[in-house]
Amino acid sequence: MTKPGVQQNGQVGERLAPGAVIGVLGGGQLGRMMALDGTRMGYKFVTLDPQPDCPLGQISEQITAAYDNAEAAGQLAAKADVITYEFENVDAGVAALLEERSYVPQGSKLLYTTQHRLREKAAIEAAGAPVAPYREITSLESLQQAAVELGLPCVLKTATGGYDGKGQVVLREEEQLEEAYTRLASTGAELVLEKFIPFTSEISVIAARTPDGEVKSFPPAENIHVNNILHLSIVPARIPSEIQRRACQLAEQVTEGLNAAGLLAVEMFVAEDGSLYVNEVAPRPHNSGHYTMEACATSQFEQHIRAICNLPLGDTTLLSPVVMVNVLGQHLDEAISRSIRKDKAAISLGVIPKLHLYGKADSKHNRKMGHINLLCGDVEDALEWVKQTNIWRH
């Protein structure tokens, strides 16, 4: 017997029609934007998040509890017809528990894999995709040996818990090894050393897969980081069309190889010779996919809902060139101020800014508070708007 809103489609998975309740582990901005699209589609939402009045909780039912709270997880399972997660640092054990009590098409295995860089890299390689050469690091001596084998520069990273550049150090000289090892080993996390790939650009592709095996990808985004935080996503990416095609093909290959359900964001380096290396993956909507909200026929958030509910995937056609720019805490006041008055720079450049704010209570330096999608005739016009507004000078 299926739950209300669930239809058997006679194939591999269950089809959840509008009216079903989607449970979300995590109540941040990704869950909020997922619910905004999903509510329009007719779905209902409930989230489990430890922060009262979290971004998703402002527009849905919220269970306020720690992610590893088994009782709260049971409440979520009882309320939801399908459960997804909006970030990968959710407790994999809780996800496994939810699998026993509810329908979790993404499963706990992919979560377990992507929470750990060594497991993730092995899985990407098993899917037939290239990654930067790497070594597991268990001691200072193993780091010294790995640095000789891979050659400097290299990047030493914690195997778990790193995001926005946290938990990693670029090593360019042998004298840096001991200090870097001492600092990262003190976190208690396992460590991995990756060879530094000289790259011409960083790109990402958001792919989606249904439980029935349909796979589609969005156009690649060219990503520019400042202080290890994503600053801009530029679409179309300023790389040859052949590399764009191969990037989409590679992302879909990894998505199928990992047997993913829902979205998989695949981040890649484009090497100087045009080779592609997968850097990491994220089994959820992704910051670099926000451009899809206005610029594509289907947003990444609608696509994720379609995928986990086993509906036919939406059209991923790019309707307009676009640049997504993140709004951090130090940019928020100026971004809001500019949005409520006539924007002469946008008019002169033919750019249409679309501001999205996440409903976070505290505006902190370098905290992601929102983003702006800049629809344009040419991405260079949107980049000129970013420069002229001067909001991102700090």
Protein backbone atom coordinates (compact mmCIF):
# COMPACT_ATOMS: atom_id res chain seq x y z
CA MET A 1 0.00 0.00 0.00
CA THR A 2 1.33 3.45 -0.87
CA LYS A 3 0.96 6.65 1.14
CA PRO A 4 -1.41 9.45 0.08
CA GLY A 5 -0.01 11.27 -2.91
CA VAL A 6 2.07 8.26 -3.96
CA GLN A 7 1.33 6.44 -7.20
CA GLN A 8 2.96 3.25 -8.39
CA ASN A 9 4.21 3.78 -11.93
CA GLY A 10 4.92 0.15 -12.70
CA GLN A 11 8.66 0.73 -13.00
CA VAL A 12 11.48 1.04 -10.50
CA GLY A 13 10.36 3.79 -8.15
CA GLU A 14 7.25 5.38 -6.72
CA ARG A 15 5.70 8.47 -8.28
CA LEU A 16 4.64 11.12 -5.81
CA ALA A 17 1.94 13.39 -7.18
CA PRO A 18 1.29 16.97 -6.02
CA GLY A 19 -0.33 16.93 -2.61
CA ALA A 20 2.38 14.70 -1.15
CA VAL A 21 4.46 15.95 1.78
CA ILE A 22 8.20 16.39 1.24
CA GLY A 23 10.38 16.15 4.35
CA VAL A 24 13.69 18.00 4.29
CA LEU A 25 16.65 17.28 6.54
CA GLY A 26 18.06 20.79 6.98
CA GLY A 27 16.18 24.07 6.86
CA GLY A 28 18.60 26.48 5.20
CA GLN A 29 18.29 28.53 2.05
CA LEU A 30 18.48 25.55 -0.31
CA GLY A 31 15.50 23.96 1.40
CA ARG A 32 13.68 27.29 1.37
CA MET A 33 14.10 27.74 -2.39
CA MET A 34 13.15 24.10 -2.93
CA ALA A 35 9.92 24.67 -1.00
CA LEU A 36 9.11 27.88 -2.86
CA ASP A 37 9.17 25.97 -6.15
CA GLY A 38 7.58 22.86 -4.66
CA THR A 39 4.68 24.77 -3.11
CA ARG A 40 3.93 26.25 -6.51
CA MET A 41 3.87 22.68 -7.85
CA GLY A 42 1.35 21.64 -5.18
CA TYR A 43 3.61 19.87 -2.65
CA LYS A 44 3.70 20.43 1.10
CA PHE A 45 6.86 20.62 3.21
CA VAL A 46 8.14 19.82 6.69
CA THR A 47 11.73 20.31 7.83
CA LEU A 48 13.95 19.04 10.63
CA ASP A 49 16.44 21.71 11.70
CA PRO A 50 17.96 22.67 15.06
CA GLN A 51 17.70 26.42 14.43
CA PRO A 52 14.31 27.92 15.36
CA ASP A 53 12.71 29.97 12.57
CA CYS A 54 15.22 28.69 10.02
CA PRO A 55 14.84 29.89 6.40
CA LEU A 56 12.74 26.88 5.37
CA GLY A 57 10.86 26.82 8.67
CA GLN A 58 9.55 30.32 7.92
CA ILE A 59 7.46 28.94 5.06
CA SER A 60 6.83 25.34 6.14
CA GLU A 61 6.19 23.19 9.20
CA GLN A 62 9.34 22.76 11.28
CA ILE A 63 10.50 20.11 13.75
CA THR A 64 13.13 21.90 15.85
CA ALA A 65 15.71 19.36 16.99
CA ALA A 66 19.26 18.20 16.38
CA TYR A 67 19.89 16.25 13.19
CA ASP A 68 20.97 13.17 15.17
CA ASN A 69 17.81 13.17 17.30
CA ALA A 70 16.24 9.80 16.53
CA GLU A 71 12.86 10.73 18.03
CA ALA A 72 12.64 13.88 15.88
CA ALA A 73 13.69 11.87 12.84
CA GLY A 74 10.83 9.50 13.56
CA GLN A 75 8.43 12.46 13.66
CA LEU A 76 9.73 13.60 10.27
CA ALA A 77 9.25 10.12 8.83
CA ALA A 78 5.69 9.97 10.11
CA LYS A 79 4.77 13.30 8.53
CA ALA A 80 6.51 12.96 5.14
CA ASP A 81 5.77 10.88 2.05
CA VAL A 82 9.33 11.36 0.79
CA ILE A 83 12.46 12.68 2.51
CA THR A 84 15.39 14.58 1.00
CA TYR A 85 18.32 16.54 2.41
CA GLU A 86 19.54 20.02 1.57
CA PHE A 87 23.16 19.64 2.67
CA GLU A 88 25.46 16.67 3.01
CA ASN A 89 26.64 17.11 6.62
CA VAL A 90 23.42 15.59 7.91
CA ASP A 91 24.05 12.52 10.07
CA ALA A 92 24.19 9.53 7.70
CA GLY A 93 23.02 7.25 10.52
CA VAL A 94 19.81 9.26 10.83
CA ALA A 95 19.36 9.08 7.06
CA ALA A 96 19.73 5.29 7.30
CA LEU A 97 17.13 5.23 10.09
CA LEU A 98 14.76 7.26 7.94
CA GLU A 99 15.25 4.79 5.08
CA GLU A 100 13.74 2.12 7.33
CA ARG A 101 10.72 4.25 8.23
CA SER A 102 10.06 6.36 5.15
CA TYR A 103 10.87 6.79 1.47
CA VAL A 104 14.36 8.30 0.96
CA PRO A 105 15.11 7.94 -2.76
CA GLN A 106 18.59 9.49 -2.41
CA GLY A 107 19.40 6.89 0.23
CA SER A 108 22.03 7.08 2.95
CA LYS A 109 24.82 5.44 0.96
CA LEU A 110 25.40 8.46 -1.29
CA LEU A 111 25.30 10.74 1.74
CA TYR A 112 27.85 8.51 3.50
CA THR A 113 30.07 8.59 0.41
CA THR A 114 30.01 12.33 -0.22
CA GLN A 115 30.62 13.21 3.44
CA HIS A 116 34.19 11.90 3.15
CA ARG A 117 36.67 13.03 0.49
CA LEU A 118 38.51 9.72 0.26
CA ARG A 119 35.31 7.70 -0.15
CA GLU A 120 34.01 10.30 -2.59
CA LYS A 121 37.13 10.23 -4.77
CA ALA A 122 37.13 6.45 -4.88
CA ALA A 123 33.48 6.46 -5.95
CA ILE A 124 34.11 9.08 -8.66
CA GLU A 125 37.02 7.03 -9.99
CA ALA A 126 34.84 3.90 -9.95
CA ALA A 127 32.36 5.81 -12.11
CA GLY A 128 35.14 6.25 -14.67
CA ALA A 129 35.79 9.95 -14.09
CA PRO A 130 39.25 11.47 -13.60
CA VAL A 131 40.22 13.14 -10.32
CA ALA A 132 43.42 14.92 -9.32
CA PRO A 133 46.06 12.44 -8.08
CA TYR A 134 45.75 12.07 -4.30
CA ARG A 135 47.07 10.22 -1.26
CA GLU A 136 45.61 9.39 2.13
CA ILE A 137 47.63 11.08 4.88
CA THR A 138 48.01 9.37 8.26
CA SER A 139 51.16 11.02 9.65
CA LEU A 140 53.67 13.78 8.99
CA GLU A 141 55.96 11.19 7.43
CA SER A 142 53.24 10.03 5.04
CA LEU A 143 52.62 13.67 4.09
CA GLN A 144 56.28 14.21 3.37
CA GLN A 145 56.40 11.04 1.25
CA ALA A 146 53.19 11.93 -0.62
CA ALA A 147 54.52 15.42 -1.36
CA VAL A 148 57.55 13.85 -3.00
CA GLU A 149 55.40 11.43 -5.02
CA LEU A 150 52.84 14.00 -6.20
CA GLY A 151 55.16 16.99 -6.35
CA LEU A 152 54.45 20.47 -5.05
CA PRO A 153 52.22 22.44 -5.14
CA CYS A 154 49.59 20.27 -3.46
CA VAL A 155 46.50 20.86 -1.38
CA LEU A 156 46.15 19.26 2.06
CA LYS A 157 42.51 18.84 3.07
CA THR A 158 40.48 17.36 5.88
CA ALA A 159 38.51 14.38 4.60
CA THR A 160 35.35 15.61 6.34
CA GLY A 161 33.70 18.88 7.27
CA GLY A 162 35.33 21.29 4.82
CA TYR A 163 33.34 23.88 2.87
CA ASP A 164 33.97 27.36 1.43
CA GLY A 165 37.72 26.75 1.65
CA LYS A 166 37.72 25.67 5.29
CA GLY A 167 39.84 22.70 6.28
CA GLN A 168 42.44 23.01 3.52
CA VAL A 169 45.89 24.45 2.93
CA VAL A 170 47.76 24.97 -0.33
CA LEU A 171 51.32 23.70 0.06
CA ARG A 172 53.90 25.29 -2.22
CA GLU A 173 57.11 24.69 -0.29
CA GLU A 174 58.45 21.79 1.76
CA GLU A 175 58.83 24.08 4.79
CA GLN A 176 55.01 24.38 5.00
CA LEU A 177 54.35 20.67 5.50
CA GLU A 178 54.85 20.30 9.25
CA GLU A 179 52.84 23.37 10.25
CA ALA A 180 49.98 22.49 7.89
CA TYR A 181 49.88 18.89 9.09
CA THR A 182 49.86 19.94 12.76
CA ARG A 183 47.05 22.43 12.18
CA LEU A 184 44.72 20.16 10.20
CA ALA A 185 45.51 16.98 12.16
CA SER A 186 44.45 18.83 15.33
CA THR A 187 40.87 18.82 14.01
CA GLY A 188 40.78 15.06 14.48
CA ALA A 189 39.68 14.51 10.88
CA GLU A 190 41.37 12.18 8.44
CA LEU A 191 43.50 13.99 5.84
CA VAL A 192 44.00 13.76 2.10
CA LEU A 193 46.68 15.35 -0.09
CA GLU A 194 45.71 16.31 -3.64
CA LYS A 195 48.02 17.35 -6.43
CA PHE A 196 47.35 20.93 -7.49
CA ILE A 197 45.96 20.99 -11.03
CA PRO A 198 46.93 24.10 -13.01
CA PHE A 199 43.54 25.10 -14.38
CA THR A 200 42.19 27.74 -16.70
CA SER A 201 38.75 27.74 -15.11
CA GLU A 202 36.55 26.08 -12.51
CA ILE A 203 33.16 24.87 -13.69
CA SER A 204 30.23 22.93 -12.31
CA VAL A 205 27.40 20.98 -13.85
CA ILE A 206 24.14 20.24 -12.05
CA ALA A 207 22.72 16.90 -13.15
CA ALA A 208 19.50 15.19 -12.08
CA ARG A 209 18.48 11.55 -12.06
CA THR A 210 15.16 9.91 -11.20
CA PRO A 211 14.84 6.54 -9.45
CA ASP A 212 13.70 5.21 -12.83
CA GLY A 213 17.04 6.25 -14.35
CA GLU A 214 16.19 9.35 -16.43
CA VAL A 215 19.18 11.74 -16.40
CA LYS A 216 19.47 15.37 -17.52
CA SER A 217 22.06 18.07 -16.92
CA PHE A 218 22.00 21.87 -16.91
CA PRO A 219 24.49 23.98 -18.88
CA PRO A 220 27.90 24.28 -17.17
CA ALA A 221 28.54 27.30 -14.96
CA GLU A 222 31.93 29.00 -14.88
CA ASN A 223 32.66 29.73 -11.23
CA ILE A 224 34.83 32.44 -9.74
CA HIS A 225 35.72 32.33 -6.05
CA VAL A 226 36.91 35.11 -3.74
CA ASN A 227 38.48 34.07 -0.42
CA ASN A 228 37.40 30.50 -1.20
CA ILE A 229 33.71 31.51 -1.32
CA LEU A 230 31.77 31.38 -4.57
CA HIS A 231 31.44 34.92 -5.91
CA LEU A 232 30.17 34.54 -9.49
CA SER A 233 28.64 31.83 -11.66
CA ILE A 234 28.76 32.73 -15.35
CA VAL A 235 26.52 30.99 -17.90
CA PRO A 236 27.24 30.25 -20.67
CA ALA A 237 30.66 29.36 -19.31
CA ARG A 238 33.46 31.07 -21.23
CA ILE A 239 34.96 27.81 -22.43
CA PRO A 240 34.78 26.07 -25.83
CA SER A 241 31.47 24.39 -26.63
CA GLU A 242 33.22 21.02 -26.97
CA ILE A 243 34.45 21.24 -23.36
CA GLN A 244 30.94 22.22 -22.24
CA ARG A 245 29.57 19.15 -23.99
CA ARG A 246 32.15 16.87 -22.38
CA ALA A 247 31.50 18.40 -18.96
CA CYS A 248 27.78 17.60 -19.20
CA GLN A 249 28.57 14.10 -20.40
CA LEU A 250 30.99 13.58 -17.51
CA ALA A 251 28.52 14.88 -14.92
CA GLU A 252 25.80 12.56 -16.21
CA GLN A 253 28.26 9.65 -16.18
CA VAL A 254 29.16 10.32 -12.54
CA THR A 255 25.50 10.73 -11.60
CA GLU A 256 24.65 7.35 -13.12
CA GLY A 257 27.79 5.74 -11.69
CA LEU A 258 26.87 6.83 -8.18
CA ASN A 259 23.29 5.66 -8.73
CA ALA A 260 22.16 9.08 -7.53
CA ALA A 261 18.57 10.19 -7.18
CA GLY A 262 17.76 13.88 -7.16
CA LEU A 263 20.39 16.46 -8.01
CA LEU A 264 24.14 15.94 -8.10
CA ALA A 265 26.37 19.00 -8.44
CA VAL A 266 29.65 18.02 -10.07
CA GLU A 267 32.50 20.51 -9.67
CA MET A 268 35.38 20.28 -12.15
CA PHE A 269 38.69 21.87 -13.09
CA VAL A 270 39.40 22.66 -16.74
CA ALA A 271 43.13 22.02 -17.20
CA GLU A 272 45.34 23.99 -19.55
CA ASP A 273 45.16 21.21 -22.16
CA GLY A 274 41.34 21.08 -21.96
CA SER A 275 41.23 17.98 -19.77
CA LEU A 276 38.52 17.80 -17.11
CA TYR A 277 39.08 16.69 -13.52
CA VAL A 278 36.23 16.17 -11.09
CA ASN A 279 37.02 18.01 -7.85
CA GLU A 280 34.01 17.09 -5.71
CA VAL A 281 30.31 16.35 -5.85
CA ALA A 282 27.31 17.44 -3.76
CA PRO A 283 24.06 15.41 -3.68
CA ARG A 284 21.70 18.40 -3.47
CA PRO A 285 20.89 21.77 -5.02
CA HIS A 286 24.03 23.87 -5.26
CA ASN A 287 25.01 27.53 -5.03
CA SER A 288 26.36 27.43 -8.58
CA GLY A 289 22.96 26.27 -9.84
CA HIS A 290 21.02 29.30 -8.59
CA TYR A 291 21.27 30.85 -12.06
CA THR A 292 18.64 28.33 -13.23
CA MET A 293 15.91 30.08 -11.23
CA GLU A 294 15.29 32.70 -13.92
CA ALA A 295 17.59 31.68 -16.76
CA CYS A 296 16.41 28.12 -17.48
CA ALA A 297 13.11 26.57 -18.47
CA THR A 298 13.25 24.56 -15.22
CA SER A 299 15.04 25.62 -12.04
CA GLN A 300 17.40 23.28 -10.22
CA PHE A 301 14.94 23.25 -7.29
CA GLU A 302 11.97 22.16 -9.39
CA GLN A 303 14.22 19.59 -11.06
CA HIS A 304 15.26 18.16 -7.69
CA ILE A 305 11.63 17.82 -6.66
CA ARG A 306 10.77 16.21 -9.98
CA ALA A 307 13.64 13.76 -9.55
CA ILE A 308 12.95 12.65 -5.97
CA CYS A 309 9.21 12.37 -6.74
CA ASN A 310 10.06 10.32 -9.85
CA LEU A 311 8.30 12.70 -12.23
CA PRO A 312 9.57 13.29 -15.78
CA LEU A 313 12.52 15.67 -15.62
CA GLY A 314 12.01 19.23 -16.83
CA ASP A 315 13.54 20.99 -19.81
CA THR A 316 17.01 22.36 -18.95
CA THR A 317 17.29 24.76 -21.89
CA LEU A 318 19.10 28.03 -21.12
CA LEU A 319 16.71 30.87 -21.98
CA SER A 320 19.06 33.78 -21.32
CA PRO A 321 22.74 34.43 -20.60
CA VAL A 322 23.08 35.02 -16.86
CA VAL A 323 25.55 35.82 -14.12
CA MET A 324 24.77 34.81 -10.54
CA VAL A 325 26.51 36.89 -7.87
CA ASN A 326 26.41 35.96 -4.17
CA VAL A 327 25.31 38.53 -1.60
CA LEU A 328 27.31 38.06 1.61
CA GLY A 329 26.68 39.75 4.93
CA GLN A 330 28.92 42.71 4.10
CA HIS A 331 27.04 43.27 0.82
CA LEU A 332 23.48 42.97 2.08
CA ASP A 333 22.56 46.57 2.92
CA GLU A 334 23.87 47.96 -0.36
CA ALA A 335 22.25 45.17 -2.39
CA ILE A 336 18.86 45.88 -0.79
CA SER A 337 19.27 49.64 -1.14
CA ARG A 338 20.09 49.30 -4.82
CA SER A 339 17.15 46.97 -5.43
CA ILE A 340 14.55 49.50 -4.25
CA ARG A 341 15.59 52.39 -6.47
CA LYS A 342 15.88 52.90 -10.21
CA ASP A 343 18.97 51.09 -11.45
CA LYS A 344 20.51 53.31 -14.12
CA ALA A 345 23.51 51.00 -14.63
CA ALA A 346 21.22 48.02 -15.32
CA ILE A 347 19.14 50.06 -17.76
CA SER A 348 22.17 51.31 -19.66
CA LEU A 349 23.75 47.85 -19.85
CA GLY A 350 20.54 45.98 -20.66
CA VAL A 351 20.85 43.87 -17.50
CA ILE A 352 17.87 42.65 -15.43
CA PRO A 353 18.84 42.03 -11.75
CA LYS A 354 16.72 39.55 -9.78
CA LEU A 355 17.39 39.67 -6.02
CA HIS A 356 16.81 36.58 -3.84
CA LEU A 357 17.14 36.86 -0.04
CA TYR A 358 17.24 33.85 2.26
CA GLY A 359 15.45 35.04 5.39
CA LYS A 360 18.44 34.65 7.70
CA ALA A 361 18.15 36.63 10.94
CA ASP A 362 21.83 37.48 11.46
CA SER A 363 23.87 39.20 8.77
CA LYS A 364 27.50 38.21 9.31
CA HIS A 365 30.66 38.90 7.36
CA ASN A 366 31.10 36.30 4.58
CA ARG A 367 27.77 34.63 5.40
CA LYS A 368 25.62 33.92 2.36
CA MET A 369 22.53 36.08 2.77
CA GLY A 370 21.19 35.94 -0.78
CA HIS A 371 22.13 36.17 -4.43
CA ILE A 372 21.33 38.20 -7.51
CA ASN A 373 20.68 36.65 -10.91
CA LEU A 374 21.65 39.06 -13.67
CA LEU A 375 19.78 38.27 -16.88
CA CYS A 376 21.54 39.81 -19.83
CA GLY A 377 22.20 39.75 -23.55
CA ASP A 378 25.90 39.09 -22.97
CA VAL A 379 27.63 37.94 -19.78
CA GLU A 380 30.22 40.71 -20.18
CA ASP A 381 27.43 43.27 -19.66
CA ALA A 382 26.42 41.57 -16.40
CA LEU A 383 30.04 41.46 -15.24
CA GLU A 384 30.31 45.18 -16.00
CA TRP A 385 27.20 45.76 -13.84
CA VAL A 386 28.89 43.94 -10.95
CA LYS A 387 31.93 46.18 -11.40
CA GLN A 388 29.99 49.43 -11.70
CA THR A 389 27.71 48.86 -8.70
CA ASN A 390 30.80 48.48 -6.51
CA ILE A 391 28.80 46.47 -3.95
CA TRP A 392 31.41 43.70 -3.93
CA ARG A 393 34.46 45.89 -3.25
CA HIS A 394 34.81 44.36 0.24
